[in-house]
């Protein structure tokens, strides 16, 4: 009698936990069916639209100036126009909502909602050592937000990312980290004991806030318990030297390349299945030939041909880094396919027209994941399709059982 197969995620949900369980035979032949991963990459200053979009929709489009840089991977990605989140604005405030689709960023009383990467991580749980990773080309600002609207700080030093994922600490360091987790849980337990007293003396409005607060504590306790389960498991070994950080912030290309080179290692070792990378706008004057002004200033080009030419040099360099990433994902074999076949990678921006701070018509490119690609999918430029529709498609492809995310109105298809 054949061994009955179980859905691993269903098992975890039914048991009321998200603990890291071994890949049992009952969960299927994992080696033959690697998990789907999700990678979100945002260039916060957008891409110059005339150089990004083709002029003809469908699979027979003529590559634009920018897409010609990715021509080797044409069959691995789909280009989208006419996608955005509703009710965005506030100049660059939409950076913080690109992965969450929360409405009206920058206005008084704004409170962010959970980002799609963190939503995915919560649903999948601790099936990997790290449910998600947030990375940045410069500084701790990220686009990853918890269900309570708190930003998850990004890691911007590749050497620290490498050490966190692949280098084991000394026994005393591991013991100290275990104690830290245990102490943290004890503190949370003691705070939980005060719940009833606080709620008994609180107004209805305060009770609502306290309920949110204690729910955050309960989630933190669950996270601490699940994280601790990984301490006694050895970290994966990789035949790669730890990267040396580039401290010069103006070396935008070098800093992006270091982050992108880590991605295949992270995915192939199954260290996480959800990654977000944000390319920030505060690098000063980038070290790129022919560029003598700051990236942000050039994005406000005022239709000046020289400034547009410099802006395109920067954006072409960023897309060349992305081309290299696709090449790396395509060159790593995995279960009879390659990493790109099991990785949904979204490249885009929160701004459709950075010169006007316009958050509509976001430039979007989705690659990999075993989906049919190779076309230019157009949507209305005046009545945009929710970008969350594409997020929803990615969620479902990565095994998250949901029919709604943020402002989604359905699952996007092409």
Protein backbone atom coordinates (compact mmCIF):
# COMPACT_ATOMS: atom_id res chain seq x y z
CA UNK A 1 0.00 0.00 0.00
CA UNK A 2 1.56 3.35 -1.01
CA UNK A 3 2.42 5.87 1.68
CA UNK A 4 -0.35 8.51 1.86
CA UNK A 5 0.85 11.98 1.04
CA UNK A 6 0.15 14.93 3.31
CA UNK A 7 0.21 18.61 2.56
CA UNK A 8 2.95 19.92 4.85
CA UNK A 9 1.43 23.36 5.26
CA UNK A 10 -2.01 21.90 6.04
CA UNK A 11 -0.42 19.68 8.68
CA UNK A 12 1.22 22.67 10.33
CA UNK A 13 -1.98 24.71 10.36
CA UNK A 14 -4.09 21.81 11.64
CA UNK A 15 -1.69 21.22 14.51
CA UNK A 16 -1.89 24.89 15.49
CA UNK A 17 1.85 25.46 15.11
CA UNK A 18 4.39 26.52 12.54
CA UNK A 19 7.33 24.59 13.93
CA UNK A 20 10.19 23.54 11.70
CA UNK A 21 9.42 19.91 10.95
CA UNK A 22 11.69 17.61 8.96
CA UNK A 23 10.79 16.89 5.37
CA UNK A 24 9.02 13.56 6.01
CA UNK A 25 8.25 11.08 3.24
CA UNK A 26 4.57 11.63 3.91
CA UNK A 27 4.99 15.19 2.69
CA UNK A 28 6.00 13.94 -0.74
CA UNK A 29 9.28 13.66 -2.60
CA UNK A 30 10.68 17.04 -1.74
CA UNK A 31 13.86 16.62 -3.78
CA UNK A 32 11.77 16.21 -6.93
CA UNK A 33 9.49 19.16 -6.20
CA UNK A 34 11.49 22.04 -4.69
CA UNK A 35 9.46 24.77 -2.98
CA UNK A 36 8.53 27.98 -4.77
CA UNK A 37 10.26 31.10 -3.48
CA UNK A 38 9.41 34.78 -3.76
CA UNK A 39 11.90 37.58 -4.37
CA UNK A 40 10.83 41.24 -4.44
CA UNK A 41 13.23 43.90 -5.78
CA UNK A 42 12.33 47.59 -5.81
CA UNK A 43 14.26 50.46 -7.35
CA UNK A 44 12.66 53.30 -5.42
CA UNK A 45 13.36 55.97 -8.06
CA UNK A 46 11.59 54.12 -10.85
CA UNK A 47 12.67 53.48 -14.42
CA UNK A 48 12.43 55.99 -17.24
CA UNK A 49 9.25 54.80 -18.99
CA UNK A 50 10.17 55.50 -22.66
CA UNK A 51 13.27 53.33 -22.22
CA UNK A 52 11.50 50.63 -20.19
CA UNK A 53 8.28 49.75 -22.00
CA UNK A 54 7.97 48.18 -25.46
CA UNK A 55 5.62 49.88 -27.90
CA UNK A 56 3.67 46.75 -28.88
CA UNK A 57 1.88 44.38 -26.50
CA UNK A 58 1.99 40.60 -26.61
CA UNK A 59 4.73 38.02 -27.15
CA UNK A 60 6.08 39.59 -30.34
CA UNK A 61 7.10 42.90 -28.83
CA UNK A 62 10.26 44.65 -29.97
CA UNK A 63 12.58 44.99 -26.95
CA UNK A 64 12.86 48.49 -25.53
CA UNK A 65 16.22 50.05 -24.78
CA UNK A 66 16.20 48.62 -21.26
CA UNK A 67 14.68 45.24 -22.09
CA UNK A 68 17.34 44.69 -24.74
CA UNK A 69 19.77 44.37 -21.82
CA UNK A 70 17.76 41.34 -20.67
CA UNK A 71 17.21 39.82 -24.11
CA UNK A 72 19.05 36.61 -23.21
CA UNK A 73 16.32 35.93 -20.65
CA UNK A 74 13.34 37.09 -22.70
CA UNK A 75 11.49 33.78 -22.27
CA UNK A 76 12.00 33.95 -18.50
CA UNK A 77 10.04 37.12 -17.73
CA UNK A 78 6.83 39.03 -18.39
CA UNK A 79 6.62 42.83 -18.53
CA UNK A 80 3.54 44.60 -17.15
CA UNK A 81 2.17 48.10 -17.63
CA UNK A 82 -0.83 49.75 -16.03
CA UNK A 83 -0.35 48.32 -12.54
CA UNK A 84 -0.28 50.28 -9.27
CA UNK A 85 -1.76 50.51 -5.79
CA UNK A 86 -4.82 52.75 -5.34
CA UNK A 87 -4.69 55.93 -3.24
CA UNK A 88 -0.95 56.43 -3.14
CA UNK A 89 0.92 59.72 -3.14
CA UNK A 90 2.83 61.97 -0.80
CA UNK A 91 5.93 62.30 -2.98
CA UNK A 92 8.23 59.44 -1.90
CA UNK A 93 5.93 58.17 0.87
CA UNK A 94 4.75 55.37 -1.43
CA UNK A 95 8.13 53.70 -0.92
CA UNK A 96 6.87 52.36 2.40
CA UNK A 97 3.68 50.93 0.89
CA UNK A 98 4.99 49.29 -2.28
CA UNK A 99 4.77 45.84 -0.72
CA UNK A 100 1.76 46.53 1.51
CA UNK A 101 -0.60 48.61 -0.68
CA UNK A 102 -1.75 50.54 2.40
CA UNK A 103 -3.70 53.62 1.32
CA UNK A 104 -2.75 57.28 1.75
CA UNK A 105 0.86 57.02 2.93
CA UNK A 106 2.26 60.26 4.28
CA UNK A 107 -1.06 61.60 5.53
CA UNK A 108 -1.82 62.35 9.16
CA UNK A 109 -2.75 59.22 11.07
CA UNK A 110 -1.35 56.86 8.45
CA UNK A 111 -0.69 53.35 9.70
CA UNK A 112 0.97 50.82 7.45
CA UNK A 113 -0.34 47.29 6.95
CA UNK A 114 1.45 44.00 6.45
CA UNK A 115 3.69 43.74 3.40
CA UNK A 116 3.32 40.87 0.97
CA UNK A 117 6.71 39.40 1.89
CA UNK A 118 5.85 39.32 5.59
CA UNK A 119 2.39 37.96 4.84
CA UNK A 120 4.01 35.13 2.90
CA UNK A 121 6.53 34.52 5.68
CA UNK A 122 3.80 34.37 8.33
CA UNK A 123 1.78 31.89 6.30
CA UNK A 124 4.73 29.63 5.56
CA UNK A 125 6.13 29.86 9.10
CA UNK A 126 9.51 28.59 10.27
CA UNK A 127 9.87 25.93 7.58
CA UNK A 128 13.27 27.55 7.01
CA UNK A 129 15.76 29.02 9.48
CA UNK A 130 14.63 32.51 8.49
CA UNK A 131 11.00 33.04 7.43
CA UNK A 132 12.11 36.08 5.43
CA UNK A 133 15.08 38.35 4.75
CA UNK A 134 14.93 42.09 4.10
CA UNK A 135 17.98 43.53 2.36
CA UNK A 136 18.94 47.03 1.26
CA UNK A 137 21.61 48.71 -0.83
CA UNK A 138 22.01 51.41 1.82
CA UNK A 139 20.83 51.56 5.42
CA UNK A 140 18.14 49.85 7.51
CA UNK A 141 15.09 51.30 5.75
CA UNK A 142 13.04 48.53 4.19
CA UNK A 143 9.64 48.00 2.59
CA UNK A 144 8.85 45.06 4.87
CA UNK A 145 6.14 45.67 7.49
CA UNK A 146 4.58 43.41 10.09
CA UNK A 147 0.86 42.98 10.66
CA UNK A 148 1.11 45.74 13.28
CA UNK A 149 2.59 48.17 10.76
CA UNK A 150 6.11 48.02 12.18
CA UNK A 151 8.99 48.16 9.73
CA UNK A 152 11.34 45.18 9.64
CA UNK A 153 14.87 46.69 9.51
CA UNK A 154 16.84 45.79 6.42
CA UNK A 155 20.36 44.36 6.38
CA UNK A 156 22.68 46.30 4.11
CA UNK A 157 26.05 44.64 4.83
CA UNK A 158 26.50 41.47 2.76
CA UNK A 159 29.20 40.20 5.14
CA UNK A 160 26.68 40.25 8.01
CA UNK A 161 24.06 38.51 5.91
CA UNK A 162 26.57 35.82 4.97
CA UNK A 163 27.64 35.32 8.58
CA UNK A 164 24.06 35.15 9.80
CA UNK A 165 23.15 32.48 7.26
CA UNK A 166 26.29 30.39 6.86
CA UNK A 167 28.77 30.92 9.71
CA UNK A 168 28.34 29.16 13.05
CA UNK A 169 29.17 31.06 16.21
CA UNK A 170 31.34 29.80 19.05
CA UNK A 171 29.57 27.61 21.64
CA UNK A 172 29.51 30.47 24.15
CA UNK A 173 27.96 32.78 21.55
CA UNK A 174 25.26 30.23 20.74
CA UNK A 175 24.54 29.72 24.45
CA UNK A 176 24.32 33.47 24.99
CA UNK A 177 21.86 33.79 22.11
CA UNK A 178 19.74 30.98 23.55
CA UNK A 179 19.65 32.77 26.90
CA UNK A 180 18.63 35.97 25.16
CA UNK A 181 15.69 34.22 23.54
CA UNK A 182 14.69 32.59 26.82
CA UNK A 183 14.92 35.89 28.70
CA UNK A 184 12.86 37.59 26.04
CA UNK A 185 10.12 34.99 26.36
CA UNK A 186 10.12 35.33 30.17
CA UNK A 187 9.65 39.09 29.88
CA UNK A 188 6.79 38.61 27.45
CA UNK A 189 5.16 36.07 29.79
CA UNK A 190 5.27 38.53 32.67
CA UNK A 191 3.73 41.25 30.52
CA UNK A 192 0.97 38.86 29.58
CA UNK A 193 0.12 38.38 33.27
CA UNK A 194 -0.84 42.05 33.47
CA UNK A 195 -3.34 41.78 30.64
CA UNK A 196 -6.53 41.34 32.65
CA UNK A 197 -5.71 44.13 35.10
CA UNK A 198 -4.98 46.56 32.29
CA UNK A 199 -8.06 45.62 30.29
CA UNK A 200 -10.29 45.94 33.36
CA UNK A 201 -9.35 49.60 33.81
CA UNK A 202 -9.19 50.57 30.13
CA UNK A 203 -11.64 52.53 28.01
CA UNK A 204 -13.13 50.83 24.92
CA UNK A 205 -10.64 52.64 22.68
CA UNK A 206 -7.72 51.68 24.91
CA UNK A 207 -8.90 48.07 25.04
CA UNK A 208 -8.67 47.89 21.27
CA UNK A 209 -5.09 49.14 21.34
CA UNK A 210 -4.22 46.78 24.20
CA UNK A 211 -5.68 43.82 22.31
CA UNK A 212 -3.40 44.65 19.38
CA UNK A 213 -0.47 45.01 21.78
CA UNK A 214 -1.01 41.65 23.45
CA UNK A 215 -1.58 39.93 20.12
CA UNK A 216 1.83 41.26 19.09
CA UNK A 217 3.25 39.76 22.30
CA UNK A 218 1.67 36.38 21.56
CA UNK A 219 3.12 36.44 18.05
CA UNK A 220 6.54 37.36 19.43
CA UNK A 221 6.36 34.43 21.84
CA UNK A 222 5.53 32.06 19.01
CA UNK A 223 8.40 33.46 16.95
CA UNK A 224 10.85 33.06 19.83
CA UNK A 225 9.88 29.43 20.35
CA UNK A 226 10.15 28.59 16.68
CA UNK A 227 13.44 30.43 16.20
CA UNK A 228 14.94 28.56 19.14
CA UNK A 229 14.20 25.24 17.41
CA UNK A 230 16.83 26.07 14.79
CA UNK A 231 19.71 26.73 17.20
CA UNK A 232 20.85 23.14 17.48
CA UNK A 233 20.73 22.58 13.73
CA UNK A 234 23.96 23.18 11.83
CA UNK A 235 23.97 25.99 9.34
CA UNK A 236 24.45 25.01 5.68
CA UNK A 237 28.00 24.88 4.33
CA UNK A 238 28.75 26.83 1.16
CA UNK A 239 31.90 26.71 -0.91
CA UNK A 240 32.08 30.50 -1.12
CA UNK A 241 34.16 33.07 0.69
CA UNK A 242 32.40 35.65 2.80
CA UNK A 243 31.92 38.86 0.79
CA UNK A 244 33.83 42.00 1.68
CA UNK A 245 31.51 44.94 2.22
CA UNK A 246 31.79 47.98 -0.02
CA UNK A 247 31.77 50.92 2.36
CA UNK A 248 31.71 53.57 -0.37
CA UNK A 249 28.01 54.40 -0.70
CA UNK A 250 28.53 55.95 -4.12
CA UNK A 251 29.47 52.52 -5.50
CA UNK A 252 25.82 51.73 -6.16
CA UNK A 253 26.53 49.00 -8.70
CA UNK A 254 29.07 47.22 -6.51
CA UNK A 255 26.73 47.22 -3.51
CA UNK A 256 23.82 45.85 -5.56
CA UNK A 257 26.02 43.16 -7.10
CA UNK A 258 27.12 41.90 -3.67
CA UNK A 259 23.50 41.57 -2.54
CA UNK A 260 22.41 39.85 -5.76
CA UNK A 261 25.29 37.35 -5.54
CA UNK A 262 23.98 36.20 -2.17
CA UNK A 263 20.51 35.39 -3.51
CA UNK A 264 21.34 32.06 -5.24
CA UNK A 265 23.21 30.88 -2.12
CA UNK A 266 20.29 31.81 0.10
CA UNK A 267 17.76 30.06 -2.10
CA UNK A 268 19.73 26.92 -2.90
CA UNK A 269 20.46 26.29 0.79
CA UNK A 270 16.76 26.89 1.60
CA UNK A 271 17.77 29.43 4.23
CA UNK A 272 14.59 31.36 3.46
CA UNK A 273 11.90 31.35 0.81
CA UNK A 274 11.03 35.04 0.95
CA UNK A 275 13.45 37.88 0.19
CA UNK A 276 12.90 41.59 -0.35
CA UNK A 277 15.62 43.91 -1.67
CA UNK A 278 15.26 47.67 -1.85
CA UNK A 279 17.58 49.82 -3.96
CA UNK A 280 17.66 53.13 -2.09
CA UNK A 281 18.03 56.60 -3.57
CA UNK A 282 20.59 58.10 -1.17
CA UNK A 283 23.91 57.00 -2.63
CA UNK A 284 25.13 60.44 -3.59
CA UNK A 285 26.67 60.70 -7.06
CA UNK A 286 26.94 57.10 -8.31
CA UNK A 287 30.34 55.82 -9.46
CA UNK A 288 29.18 55.36 -13.05
CA UNK A 289 30.99 56.74 -16.07
CA UNK A 290 29.29 59.82 -17.49
CA UNK A 291 27.27 60.57 -14.33
CA UNK A 292 28.04 63.76 -12.40
CA UNK A 293 24.84 64.32 -10.41
CA UNK A 294 22.90 62.51 -7.68
CA UNK A 295 20.46 59.82 -8.71
CA UNK A 296 17.52 61.54 -7.02
CA UNK A 297 18.24 64.87 -8.69
CA UNK A 298 18.55 63.21 -12.09
CA UNK A 299 15.19 61.50 -11.63
CA UNK A 300 13.73 65.04 -11.67
CA UNK A 301 15.19 65.60 -15.11
CA UNK A 302 12.77 68.27 -16.31
CA UNK A 303 12.98 66.61 -19.77
CA UNK A 304 16.54 67.84 -20.10
CA UNK A 305 18.26 65.49 -22.60
CA UNK A 306 21.60 65.47 -20.78
CA UNK A 307 20.00 64.69 -17.42
CA UNK A 308 17.86 61.95 -18.98
CA UNK A 309 20.98 60.47 -20.57
CA UNK A 310 22.71 60.36 -17.17
CA UNK A 311 19.61 58.90 -15.53
CA UNK A 312 19.50 56.14 -18.14
CA UNK A 313 23.15 55.31 -17.46
CA UNK A 314 22.26 54.65 -13.83
CA UNK A 315 19.18 52.63 -14.64
CA UNK A 316 20.97 50.62 -17.30
CA UNK A 317 23.61 49.74 -14.71
CA UNK A 318 20.92 48.58 -12.26
CA UNK A 319 19.28 46.45 -14.96
CA UNK A 320 22.67 44.98 -15.87
CA UNK A 321 22.91 43.81 -12.24
CA UNK A 322 19.46 42.25 -12.58
CA UNK A 323 20.52 40.54 -15.81
CA UNK A 324 23.46 39.03 -13.94
CA UNK A 325 21.11 37.81 -11.20
CA UNK A 326 18.88 36.08 -13.77
CA UNK A 327 21.97 34.45 -15.27
CA UNK A 328 23.00 33.17 -11.84
CA UNK A 329 19.52 31.78 -11.14
CA UNK A 330 19.47 30.11 -14.55
CA UNK A 331 22.87 28.50 -14.04
CA UNK A 332 22.08 26.79 -10.71
CA UNK A 333 20.54 23.37 -11.29
CA UNK A 334 17.86 22.11 -8.95
CA UNK A 335 15.87 18.87 -9.27
CA UNK A 336 16.08 18.69 -13.05
CA UNK A 337 15.45 22.41 -13.51
CA UNK A 338 17.13 25.62 -12.36
CA UNK A 339 16.64 28.05 -9.50
CA UNK A 340 14.82 30.47 -11.76
CA UNK A 341 12.12 27.85 -12.37
CA UNK A 342 11.37 27.74 -8.65
CA UNK A 343 11.80 31.45 -7.86
CA UNK A 344 9.20 34.13 -8.60
CA UNK A 345 11.21 37.34 -8.92
CA UNK A 346 9.44 40.69 -9.10
CA UNK A 347 11.43 43.73 -10.22
CA UNK A 348 9.77 47.12 -10.22
CA UNK A 349 9.26 50.45 -8.53
CA UNK A 350 6.79 52.37 -6.42
CA UNK A 351 7.00 55.27 -8.88
CA UNK A 352 5.77 55.18 -12.45
CA UNK A 353 7.11 58.67 -13.14
CA UNK A 354 9.72 59.69 -10.58
CA UNK A 355 10.08 63.16 -12.17
CA UNK A 356 6.50 63.94 -11.10
CA UNK A 357 6.39 61.70 -8.00
CA UNK A 358 3.60 59.81 -9.80
CA UNK A 359 2.89 56.43 -8.15
CA UNK A 360 0.68 55.20 -11.00
CA UNK A 361 1.71 52.90 -13.85
CA UNK A 362 4.52 51.19 -11.97
CA UNK A 363 7.21 49.56 -14.13
CA UNK A 364 6.88 45.86 -13.33
CA UNK A 365 8.71 42.74 -14.49
CA UNK A 366 8.02 39.23 -13.17
CA UNK A 367 10.39 36.36 -13.90
CA UNK A 368 10.63 32.64 -13.22
CA UNK A 369 8.48 30.48 -11.02
CA UNK A 370 7.77 27.96 -13.76
CA UNK A 371 5.18 30.29 -15.31
CA UNK A 372 4.72 31.00 -18.99
CA UNK A 373 6.64 34.15 -19.84
CA UNK A 374 7.97 36.06 -22.82
CA UNK A 375 5.27 38.70 -23.37
CA UNK A 376 4.33 42.30 -22.63
CA UNK A 377 1.05 42.39 -20.70
CA UNK A 378 -0.69 45.78 -20.87
CA UNK A 379 -3.38 47.21 -18.61
CA UNK A 380 -5.23 50.51 -18.67
CA UNK A 381 -2.89 53.48 -18.09
CA UNK A 382 -5.78 55.58 -16.72
CA UNK A 383 -7.63 52.94 -14.70
CA UNK A 384 -4.79 50.85 -13.36
CA UNK A 385 -5.17 47.22 -12.35
CA UNK A 386 -4.23 46.70 -8.68
CA UNK A 387 -0.63 45.61 -8.33
CA UNK A 388 -1.91 43.47 -5.46
CA UNK A 389 -3.52 41.23 -8.09
CA UNK A 390 -0.01 40.23 -9.12
CA UNK A 391 1.02 39.88 -5.47
CA UNK A 392 -1.95 37.56 -5.01
CA UNK A 393 -0.80 35.43 -7.94
CA UNK A 394 2.66 35.19 -6.38
CA UNK A 395 1.19 34.25 -3.01
CA UNK A 396 -0.83 31.44 -4.50
CA UNK A 397 2.11 30.21 -6.57
CA UNK A 398 4.25 29.99 -3.41
CA UNK A 399 1.63 27.85 -1.68
CA UNK A 400 -0.21 30.45 0.37
CA UNK A 401 -3.90 29.60 0.45
CA UNK A 402 -5.64 32.96 0.12
CA UNK A 403 -7.94 34.67 -2.35
CA UNK A 404 -7.29 38.22 -1.13
CA UNK A 405 -4.35 40.46 -0.37
CA UNK A 406 -4.62 44.17 0.41
CA UNK A 407 -6.36 45.97 -2.49
CA UNK A 408 -6.52 42.96 -4.81
CA UNK A 409 -9.64 42.53 -6.95
CA UNK A 410 -8.69 39.12 -8.35
CA UNK A 411 -5.75 37.09 -9.59
CA UNK A 412 -3.86 38.58 -12.49
CA UNK A 413 -3.29 36.44 -15.54
CA UNK A 414 -1.57 36.94 -18.87
